[in-house]
Amino acid sequence: MEKRQLLILKALSAAMLCLCACQSSSLILHPIVLVPGAGGNQLEARLNSDYKPSSWLCRRELAAGRFSDGWFRLWFDPSVLLAPFTKCFADRMTLHYDPEKDDYYNAPGVETRVPHFGSTQSLLYLDPHLRHLSAYMEPLVESLRGIGYKDGETLFGAPYDFRYGMAAEGHPSHVGNKFLDDLRRLVETAAGSNGGKRVILLTHSLGGLFALELLRRSPAPWVQTHVRHLLALSAPWGGAVDAMLTLASGNTLGVPLVDPLLVRAEQRSSESNLWLLPNPAVFGMGQTLVVGPDNASYTAGDVQGFLEGIGFPEGILPYKSRIVPLIEGVGTGPGVAVTCIVGSEVRTAERLVYGRERGFDEQPEVVYGDGDGTVNMVSLLAPERLWKDAEGGQEVKVIKLPGVSHAAVLKDRDALERIIGEVSRLNSYGDEAVA
């Protein structure tokens, strides 16, 4: 009997080895291009003679020679944590909209660049000297390396200047359009250097919207030739109420010790923050999202009234002309199969109620609903409703991760296992077997 059991065990072991060998022989690594979310990569800047410090302290900082070596890290800059320097930091981060040119530009005298495009280097940590505090995609990248991915060979990064967004086609967008061009070339390079294997676009948060625009604005034959799958983590497809909080009262984004009012003007200047305002096609026209100090109610269908009410009327023109026609296309899918991995059951701002005493200069009372702590569930799940039954049979798969927040999806162990599981699934079949 024991001899028979031993033979059975040997046969099972041989079968398992054969199965593993068969799976290994069929395993291919489709190249991955990582597209981060807002604030998810480093930015560098240098100051030229047109730069005019806005305060005595900022002038002292400049006179002390802090920026005399040329390029320096603009984001993430630890000086934002020190209240006296927060305003100096915000001045250098501020964008300016030129209504005559219908486009956004840096502050006068501030030049910016995105370091390490094509690599994951600037996505790992926002400040390499503060790795523990500023880690971003490092856990995800390490997990991908664990299944064989190599930076610059099968794994690529597409950092960008997240202050800028996209505009509807027909409007100038010199920074956003250049990023899409660079991203398109990177996808072509990644596929070409891997024997023509189609690319997996793996995005986080705002990066999902940029990837969607790339796919929408590219010819269908190009998409089908170069892109295998869009794997989107925590994508705000229809915006978020959190963006209304940012524009109304300022948002510290979890950074301690920062006065949100000191960064509010800079955050209002950000083109991408207008892009992230709630889309009425997703949130509906009737749901009250903000109650102002005068009891005025604002919905996703009254964003222009909201911008006027919070004292930001200069945001109305770019929102109306550049953003509204852009977000009206939310029902158009990317033309490739999509997997959305989203956090759920995390308290997420669903309605903001402002008191009379200080109005929008104070943080509101928050009514919470479902989401990932940053993006509302209705926005995270928008592709299920808008794309699944679209013409052409747009494939949409949604994986919910209860209790996982917007940022934790990049580091939570269970979340990483699900992400790697999806990547492995896409890699474990022939190129045409899984869309």
Protein backbone atom coordinates (compact mmCIF):
# COMPACT_ATOMS: atom_id res chain seq x y z
CA MET A 1 0.00 0.00 0.00
CA GLU A 2 2.81 2.41 0.93
CA LYS A 3 4.59 1.60 -2.36
CA ARG A 4 1.42 2.39 -4.29
CA GLN A 5 0.99 5.73 -2.45
CA LEU A 6 4.62 6.58 -3.21
CA LEU A 7 4.05 5.90 -6.92
CA ILE A 8 0.95 8.09 -6.88
CA LEU A 9 2.88 10.93 -5.21
CA LYS A 10 5.68 10.63 -7.78
CA ALA A 11 3.15 10.73 -10.61
CA LEU A 12 1.47 13.81 -9.15
CA SER A 13 4.85 15.53 -8.71
CA ALA A 14 5.76 14.78 -12.31
CA ALA A 15 2.42 16.13 -13.48
CA MET A 16 2.92 19.33 -11.50
CA LEU A 17 6.41 19.80 -12.91
CA CYS A 18 5.06 19.28 -16.40
CA LEU A 19 2.26 21.80 -15.78
CA CYS A 20 4.72 24.39 -14.47
CA ALA A 21 7.02 23.80 -17.42
CA CYS A 22 4.13 24.18 -19.86
CA GLN A 23 2.98 27.38 -18.20
CA SER A 24 6.53 28.72 -18.15
CA SER A 25 7.03 27.98 -21.82
CA SER A 26 3.81 29.85 -22.70
CA LEU A 27 4.54 32.81 -20.40
CA ILE A 28 5.44 35.98 -22.25
CA LEU A 29 6.07 39.40 -20.81
CA HIS A 30 4.15 42.05 -22.58
CA PRO A 31 5.92 45.36 -21.99
CA ILE A 32 4.30 47.63 -19.42
CA VAL A 33 4.16 51.41 -19.53
CA LEU A 34 3.36 52.96 -16.13
CA VAL A 35 1.45 56.26 -16.14
CA PRO A 36 1.28 57.85 -12.66
CA GLY A 37 -1.40 59.99 -11.06
CA ALA A 38 -1.34 63.67 -10.14
CA GLY A 39 1.68 64.38 -7.97
CA GLY A 40 3.03 60.90 -8.67
CA ASN A 41 6.38 61.81 -10.19
CA GLN A 42 9.17 64.30 -9.69
CA LEU A 43 9.24 67.71 -11.38
CA GLU A 44 12.33 69.88 -11.78
CA ALA A 45 12.60 73.63 -12.28
CA ARG A 46 15.08 76.41 -12.76
CA LEU A 47 14.63 80.14 -12.38
CA ASN A 48 15.70 82.72 -14.92
CA SER A 49 15.98 86.50 -14.78
CA ASP A 50 12.22 86.96 -15.30
CA TYR A 51 11.45 85.29 -11.98
CA LYS A 52 10.24 87.82 -9.41
CA PRO A 53 9.93 86.53 -5.82
CA SER A 54 6.59 87.50 -4.31
CA SER A 55 7.77 88.21 -0.77
CA TRP A 56 10.77 89.25 1.29
CA LEU A 57 11.28 85.69 2.46
CA CYS A 58 11.23 84.34 -1.10
CA ARG A 59 13.76 87.00 -2.11
CA ARG A 60 16.00 85.98 0.79
CA GLU A 61 15.70 82.34 -0.25
CA LEU A 62 16.81 83.30 -3.77
CA ALA A 63 19.61 85.57 -2.55
CA ALA A 64 20.95 82.79 -0.33
CA GLY A 65 21.83 80.89 -3.50
CA ARG A 66 19.54 77.92 -2.93
CA PHE A 67 18.76 77.72 -6.65
CA SER A 68 22.10 78.90 -8.03
CA ASP A 69 23.06 75.44 -9.33
CA GLY A 70 20.38 75.53 -12.02
CA TRP A 71 17.82 72.72 -12.06
CA PHE A 72 16.32 71.77 -8.68
CA ARG A 73 13.48 69.52 -7.53
CA LEU A 74 10.24 71.47 -7.65
CA TRP A 75 8.07 68.52 -6.63
CA PHE A 76 8.29 67.08 -4.11
CA ASP A 77 9.99 69.96 -2.27
CA PRO A 78 10.15 69.45 1.54
CA SER A 79 10.11 73.24 2.01
CA VAL A 80 6.33 73.10 1.45
CA LEU A 81 6.12 71.62 4.95
CA LEU A 82 7.47 74.82 6.49
CA ALA A 83 4.72 77.44 6.65
CA PRO A 84 6.97 80.46 5.89
CA PHE A 85 8.15 78.80 2.66
CA THR A 86 4.80 77.32 1.54
CA LYS A 87 3.89 80.52 -0.33
CA CYS A 88 7.27 80.57 -2.12
CA PHE A 89 6.74 76.99 -3.20
CA ALA A 90 3.20 77.74 -4.36
CA ASP A 91 4.37 80.72 -6.42
CA ARG A 92 6.79 78.54 -8.36
CA MET A 93 4.14 75.85 -8.94
CA THR A 94 1.44 78.26 -10.15
CA LEU A 95 0.25 78.15 -13.76
CA HIS A 96 -1.23 81.05 -15.72
CA TYR A 97 -4.05 80.80 -18.26
CA ASP A 98 -3.72 83.19 -21.21
CA PRO A 99 -7.23 83.77 -22.63
CA GLU A 100 -5.85 85.24 -25.86
CA LYS A 101 -3.64 82.22 -26.55
CA ASP A 102 -6.19 79.88 -24.94
CA ASP A 103 -3.50 77.88 -23.15
CA TYR A 104 -1.69 77.44 -19.84
CA TYR A 105 1.87 78.48 -19.05
CA ASN A 106 4.36 78.43 -16.16
CA ALA A 107 4.78 81.45 -13.93
CA PRO A 108 7.13 84.06 -15.44
CA GLY A 109 10.77 83.13 -14.94
CA VAL A 110 10.03 79.49 -14.03
CA GLU A 111 11.18 76.76 -16.41
CA THR A 112 10.16 73.17 -15.71
CA ARG A 113 11.04 69.71 -16.95
CA VAL A 114 10.07 66.13 -16.17
CA PRO A 115 13.13 63.98 -15.36
CA HIS A 116 13.71 60.36 -16.40
CA PHE A 117 10.97 59.99 -19.00
CA GLY A 118 10.85 56.36 -20.15
CA SER A 119 12.18 55.06 -16.84
CA THR A 120 10.43 54.27 -13.57
CA GLN A 121 13.08 56.22 -11.64
CA SER A 122 11.04 59.35 -10.91
CA LEU A 123 7.94 57.30 -10.05
CA LEU A 124 9.48 55.32 -7.21
CA TYR A 125 9.98 58.18 -4.74
CA LEU A 126 8.95 61.81 -4.95
CA ASP A 127 12.16 62.66 -3.11
CA PRO A 128 14.95 60.04 -3.19
CA HIS A 129 16.35 61.48 0.04
CA LEU A 130 13.05 60.87 1.84
CA ARG A 131 12.30 57.38 0.57
CA HIS A 132 10.20 56.23 3.50
CA LEU A 133 8.03 59.34 3.48
CA SER A 134 7.76 59.86 -0.27
CA ALA A 135 7.52 56.33 -1.71
CA TYR A 136 4.95 56.19 -4.51
CA MET A 137 5.17 53.38 -7.09
CA GLU A 138 8.15 51.62 -5.52
CA PRO A 139 6.10 48.71 -4.06
CA LEU A 140 4.32 48.16 -7.38
CA VAL A 141 7.55 48.32 -9.38
CA GLU A 142 9.22 45.84 -7.01
CA SER A 143 6.26 43.48 -7.41
CA LEU A 144 6.56 43.68 -11.20
CA ARG A 145 10.27 43.01 -10.97
CA GLY A 146 9.42 39.94 -8.93
CA ILE A 147 7.73 38.35 -11.95
CA GLY A 148 10.54 39.22 -14.34
CA TYR A 149 10.02 42.81 -15.47
CA LYS A 150 13.13 44.95 -15.98
CA ASP A 151 13.30 48.72 -16.08
CA GLY A 152 14.10 50.00 -19.56
CA GLU A 153 13.59 46.57 -21.16
CA THR A 154 10.06 45.41 -20.42
CA LEU A 155 9.05 48.08 -17.89
CA PHE A 156 8.80 51.78 -18.72
CA GLY A 157 7.61 54.92 -16.96
CA ALA A 158 5.75 57.89 -18.42
CA PRO A 159 6.04 60.77 -15.92
CA TYR A 160 4.47 64.11 -16.87
CA ASP A 161 3.78 67.62 -15.58
CA PHE A 162 0.57 66.83 -13.72
CA ARG A 163 -0.33 70.50 -13.24
CA TYR A 164 -1.33 70.60 -16.90
CA GLY A 165 -4.28 68.68 -18.27
CA MET A 166 -5.80 68.16 -21.68
CA ALA A 167 -8.15 70.34 -23.66
CA ALA A 168 -10.85 69.37 -26.10
CA GLU A 169 -9.54 68.82 -29.60
CA GLY A 170 -9.31 72.08 -31.50
CA HIS A 171 -7.90 73.94 -28.50
CA PRO A 172 -4.18 74.47 -27.97
CA SER A 173 -2.60 72.41 -25.21
CA HIS A 174 1.13 72.57 -25.77
CA VAL A 175 2.14 70.60 -22.68
CA GLY A 176 -0.67 68.03 -22.70
CA ASN A 177 -0.36 67.33 -26.42
CA LYS A 178 3.40 66.95 -26.18
CA PHE A 179 2.96 64.41 -23.40
CA LEU A 180 0.56 62.37 -25.54
CA ASP A 181 3.06 62.48 -28.40
CA ASP A 182 5.86 61.35 -26.06
CA LEU A 183 3.65 58.62 -24.60
CA ARG A 184 2.71 57.39 -28.07
CA ARG A 185 6.39 57.14 -29.06
CA LEU A 186 7.20 55.36 -25.79
CA VAL A 187 4.48 52.76 -26.46
CA GLU A 188 5.88 52.23 -29.96
CA THR A 189 9.42 51.88 -28.59
CA ALA A 190 8.33 49.45 -25.87
CA ALA A 191 6.48 47.27 -28.37
CA GLY A 192 9.22 47.47 -30.99
CA SER A 193 12.01 46.53 -28.60
CA ASN A 194 10.01 43.50 -27.42
CA GLY A 195 9.43 41.83 -30.74
CA GLY A 196 6.16 43.60 -31.44
CA LYS A 197 4.44 42.42 -28.24
CA ARG A 198 1.60 44.77 -27.48
CA VAL A 199 1.88 47.07 -24.48
CA ILE A 200 -0.08 46.95 -21.23
CA LEU A 201 -0.87 50.50 -20.10
CA LEU A 202 -0.84 50.35 -16.28
CA THR A 203 -2.11 53.62 -14.86
CA HIS A 204 -2.94 55.19 -11.52
CA SER A 205 -5.57 57.86 -10.91
CA LEU A 206 -5.23 60.82 -13.33
CA GLY A 207 -2.87 58.71 -15.45
CA GLY A 208 -5.91 56.71 -16.53
CA LEU A 209 -7.49 59.82 -18.08
CA PHE A 210 -4.32 60.61 -20.03
CA ALA A 211 -4.10 57.01 -21.27
CA LEU A 212 -7.75 57.17 -22.30
CA GLU A 213 -7.10 60.35 -24.30
CA LEU A 214 -4.11 58.72 -25.99
CA LEU A 215 -6.23 55.78 -27.09
CA ARG A 216 -9.20 57.90 -28.17
CA ARG A 217 -7.02 60.23 -30.24
CA SER A 218 -5.04 57.49 -31.97
CA PRO A 219 -6.18 55.65 -35.13
CA ALA A 220 -7.83 52.31 -34.38
CA PRO A 221 -5.18 50.33 -36.35
CA TRP A 222 -2.42 51.93 -34.27
CA VAL A 223 -4.23 51.04 -31.02
CA GLN A 224 -4.85 47.45 -32.06
CA THR A 225 -1.24 47.04 -33.19
CA HIS A 226 0.45 48.55 -30.14
CA VAL A 227 -1.83 48.26 -27.08
CA ARG A 228 -2.98 45.01 -25.52
CA HIS A 229 -4.87 46.23 -22.44
CA LEU A 230 -5.62 49.22 -20.23
CA LEU A 231 -5.20 48.28 -16.57
CA ALA A 232 -6.43 51.31 -14.61
CA LEU A 233 -6.02 51.70 -10.86
CA SER A 234 -8.27 54.18 -9.02
CA ALA A 235 -9.13 56.11 -12.19
CA PRO A 236 -11.45 59.13 -11.67
CA TRP A 237 -13.32 58.63 -14.96
CA GLY A 238 -16.03 61.12 -14.03
CA GLY A 239 -14.08 63.38 -11.68
CA ALA A 240 -14.53 63.63 -7.92
CA VAL A 241 -16.17 65.81 -5.28
CA ASP A 242 -12.69 66.05 -3.77
CA ALA A 243 -11.72 68.34 -6.67
CA MET A 244 -14.45 70.78 -5.60
CA LEU A 245 -12.96 70.82 -2.10
CA THR A 246 -9.52 71.54 -3.56
CA LEU A 247 -10.74 74.54 -5.57
CA ALA A 248 -13.05 75.89 -2.87
CA SER A 249 -10.87 75.68 0.23
CA GLY A 250 -7.47 74.29 -0.73
CA ASN A 251 -6.35 70.73 -0.14
CA THR A 252 -3.24 69.62 1.72
CA LEU A 253 -3.42 66.17 0.07
CA GLY A 254 -2.54 64.64 3.42
CA VAL A 255 0.69 66.62 3.78
CA PRO A 256 0.94 67.64 7.45
CA LEU A 257 1.47 71.18 8.79
CA VAL A 258 0.40 72.89 5.54
CA ASP A 259 -2.23 75.64 5.61
CA PRO A 260 -4.60 74.78 2.74
CA LEU A 261 -5.31 78.47 2.06
CA LEU A 262 -1.63 79.03 1.24
CA VAL A 263 -1.82 76.56 -1.63
CA ARG A 264 -5.39 77.26 -2.77
CA ALA A 265 -4.49 79.84 -5.43
CA GLU A 266 -1.83 77.51 -6.87
CA GLN A 267 -4.29 74.59 -6.91
CA ARG A 268 -6.90 76.75 -8.63
CA SER A 269 -4.36 77.56 -11.32
CA SER A 270 -3.84 73.87 -12.11
CA GLU A 271 -5.49 72.90 -15.39
CA SER A 272 -5.79 69.27 -14.32
CA ASN A 273 -7.88 70.21 -11.27
CA LEU A 274 -10.54 71.66 -13.58
CA TRP A 275 -10.47 68.39 -15.52
CA LEU A 276 -11.18 66.46 -12.30
CA LEU A 277 -14.37 68.33 -11.40
CA PRO A 278 -17.47 66.08 -11.29
CA ASN A 279 -18.86 65.23 -14.71
CA PRO A 280 -22.66 65.63 -14.92
CA ALA A 281 -22.86 62.61 -17.24
CA VAL A 282 -21.56 60.52 -14.34
CA PHE A 283 -22.81 62.33 -11.20
CA GLY A 284 -26.13 63.45 -12.66
CA MET A 285 -27.64 66.93 -12.78
CA GLY A 286 -29.71 66.88 -9.62
CA GLN A 287 -27.50 65.68 -6.76
CA THR A 288 -26.27 68.50 -4.52
CA LEU A 289 -22.50 68.22 -4.11
CA VAL A 290 -21.71 71.53 -2.39
CA VAL A 291 -23.79 73.74 -0.11
CA GLY A 292 -22.30 77.24 0.06
CA PRO A 293 -22.25 79.56 3.08
CA ASP A 294 -25.29 81.37 1.64
CA ASN A 295 -27.13 78.02 1.32
CA ALA A 296 -26.66 78.02 -2.44
CA SER A 297 -26.57 74.46 -3.78
CA TYR A 298 -24.16 73.37 -6.51
CA THR A 299 -24.42 70.21 -8.61
CA ALA A 300 -22.21 68.68 -11.27
CA GLY A 301 -24.44 70.48 -13.77
CA ASP A 302 -23.68 73.88 -12.23
CA VAL A 303 -19.89 73.89 -12.07
CA GLN A 304 -19.77 77.35 -13.62
CA GLY A 305 -21.98 78.67 -10.82
CA PHE A 306 -19.75 76.90 -8.31
CA LEU A 307 -16.61 78.55 -9.70
CA GLU A 308 -18.32 81.94 -9.49
CA GLY A 309 -19.55 81.24 -5.97
CA ILE A 310 -16.14 80.30 -4.56
CA GLY A 311 -14.57 83.47 -5.96
CA PHE A 312 -12.79 81.88 -8.91
CA PRO A 313 -14.60 83.39 -11.93
CA GLU A 314 -11.41 83.29 -14.02
CA GLY A 315 -11.77 79.52 -14.06
CA ILE A 316 -15.09 79.67 -15.92
CA LEU A 317 -13.75 80.44 -19.41
CA PRO A 318 -11.18 77.61 -19.58
CA TYR A 319 -13.64 75.20 -17.95
CA LYS A 320 -16.46 76.06 -20.34
CA SER A 321 -14.38 76.15 -23.52
CA ARG A 322 -11.67 73.54 -22.90
CA ILE A 323 -12.99 71.07 -20.31
CA VAL A 324 -16.74 70.76 -20.94
CA PRO A 325 -16.37 69.47 -24.53
CA LEU A 326 -13.57 67.20 -23.34
CA ILE A 327 -15.59 65.49 -20.60
CA GLU A 328 -18.69 65.25 -22.79
CA GLY A 329 -16.86 62.39 -24.52
CA VAL A 330 -16.82 60.26 -21.36
CA GLY A 331 -19.08 57.71 -23.03
CA THR A 332 -16.49 56.89 -25.68
CA GLY A 333 -14.32 53.95 -24.62
CA PRO A 334 -10.65 53.41 -25.41
CA GLY A 335 -11.06 50.71 -28.05
CA VAL A 336 -9.17 48.08 -26.05
CA ALA A 337 -10.22 45.87 -23.16
CA VAL A 338 -10.13 47.58 -19.78
CA THR A 339 -9.63 46.29 -16.25
CA CYS A 340 -10.46 48.72 -13.44
CA ILE A 341 -9.02 47.92 -10.01
CA VAL A 342 -10.66 50.17 -7.44
CA GLY A 343 -10.80 50.59 -3.70
CA SER A 344 -14.23 50.59 -2.10
CA GLU A 345 -15.98 51.01 1.26
CA VAL A 346 -13.66 53.86 2.24
CA ARG A 347 -15.31 57.08 3.49
CA THR A 348 -15.27 59.48 0.55
CA ALA A 349 -16.51 63.08 0.39
CA GLU A 350 -19.93 63.10 -1.26
CA ARG A 351 -21.24 66.49 -0.17
CA LEU A 352 -19.49 69.58 1.22
CA VAL A 353 -21.38 71.91 3.53
CA TYR A 354 -19.86 75.33 4.29
CA GLY A 355 -20.64 77.46 7.34
CA ARG A 356 -21.50 81.15 7.27
CA GLU A 357 -18.68 82.44 9.46
CA ARG A 358 -15.68 82.07 7.13
CA GLY A 359 -17.35 80.61 4.09
CA PHE A 360 -15.00 78.92 1.63
CA ASP A 361 -11.96 80.02 3.66
CA GLU A 362 -12.57 77.18 6.10
CA GLN A 363 -12.77 73.45 5.62
CA PRO A 364 -16.38 72.25 5.24
CA GLU A 365 -18.49 69.76 7.07
CA VAL A 366 -18.27 66.63 4.96
CA VAL A 367 -21.03 64.16 4.23
CA TYR A 368 -19.40 60.87 3.27
CA GLY A 369 -20.34 58.14 0.86
CA ASP A 370 -18.70 55.15 -0.82
CA GLY A 371 -15.45 55.33 -2.76
CA ASP A 372 -11.72 54.97 -2.24
CA GLY A 373 -11.31 57.98 0.06
CA THR A 374 -10.59 60.33 -2.85
CA VAL A 375 -12.73 59.26 -5.83
CA ASN A 376 -16.44 58.55 -5.51
CA MET A 377 -17.67 55.07 -6.37
CA VAL A 378 -19.96 56.37 -9.15
CA SER A 379 -16.87 57.74 -10.90
CA LEU A 380 -14.68 54.69 -10.31
CA LEU A 381 -17.37 52.43 -11.78
CA ALA A 382 -18.39 54.71 -14.67
CA PRO A 383 -16.94 52.41 -17.39
CA GLU A 384 -19.31 49.61 -16.35
CA ARG A 385 -22.29 51.81 -17.15
CA LEU A 386 -20.88 53.88 -20.02
CA TRP A 387 -18.65 51.49 -21.98
CA LYS A 388 -19.73 47.93 -21.31
CA ASP A 389 -22.66 48.00 -23.73
CA ALA A 390 -21.03 50.44 -26.15
CA GLU A 391 -21.01 49.75 -29.87
CA GLY A 392 -18.23 47.32 -30.74
CA GLY A 393 -18.47 45.35 -27.50
CA GLN A 394 -16.11 47.29 -25.23
CA GLU A 395 -14.81 44.78 -22.66
CA VAL A 396 -14.78 46.11 -19.08
CA LYS A 397 -13.77 44.17 -15.99
CA VAL A 398 -13.97 45.67 -12.49
CA ILE A 399 -12.17 44.37 -9.41
CA LYS A 400 -13.25 45.92 -6.10
CA LEU A 401 -10.90 45.95 -3.12
CA PRO A 402 -12.90 46.69 0.05
CA GLY A 403 -11.08 48.94 2.51
CA VAL A 404 -8.26 49.86 0.11
CA SER A 405 -7.77 53.61 -0.35
CA HIS A 406 -6.87 55.61 -3.44
CA ALA A 407 -3.14 55.63 -2.66
CA ALA A 408 -2.98 52.28 -0.84
CA VAL A 409 -3.81 50.41 -4.06
CA LEU A 410 -0.12 50.89 -4.94
CA LYS A 411 1.22 49.35 -1.73
CA ASP A 412 -1.43 47.20 -0.03
CA ARG A 413 -0.32 43.56 -0.21
CA ASP A 414 -3.69 42.17 -1.30
CA ALA A 415 -4.04 44.92 -3.90
CA LEU A 416 -0.57 44.21 -5.31
CA GLU A 417 -1.41 40.51 -5.53
CA ARG A 418 -4.54 41.30 -7.56
CA ILE A 419 -2.62 43.65 -9.86
CA ILE A 420 0.16 41.11 -10.42
CA GLY A 421 -2.49 38.44 -10.95
CA GLU A 422 -4.07 40.49 -13.74
CA VAL A 423 -0.70 41.19 -15.34
CA SER A 424 0.16 37.49 -15.17
CA ARG A 425 -3.19 36.60 -16.72
CA LEU A 426 -2.47 38.89 -19.65
CA ASN A 427 1.00 37.38 -19.99
CA SER A 428 -0.02 33.73 -19.72
CA TYR A 429 -1.82 33.43 -23.04
CA GLY A 430 -0.99 33.98 -26.67
CA ASP A 431 -1.20 37.59 -27.82
CA GLU A 432 -4.60 37.18 -29.39
CA ALA A 433 -6.15 34.89 -26.74
CA VAL A 434 -6.93 37.63 -24.22
CA ALA A 435 -8.03 41.06 -25.36
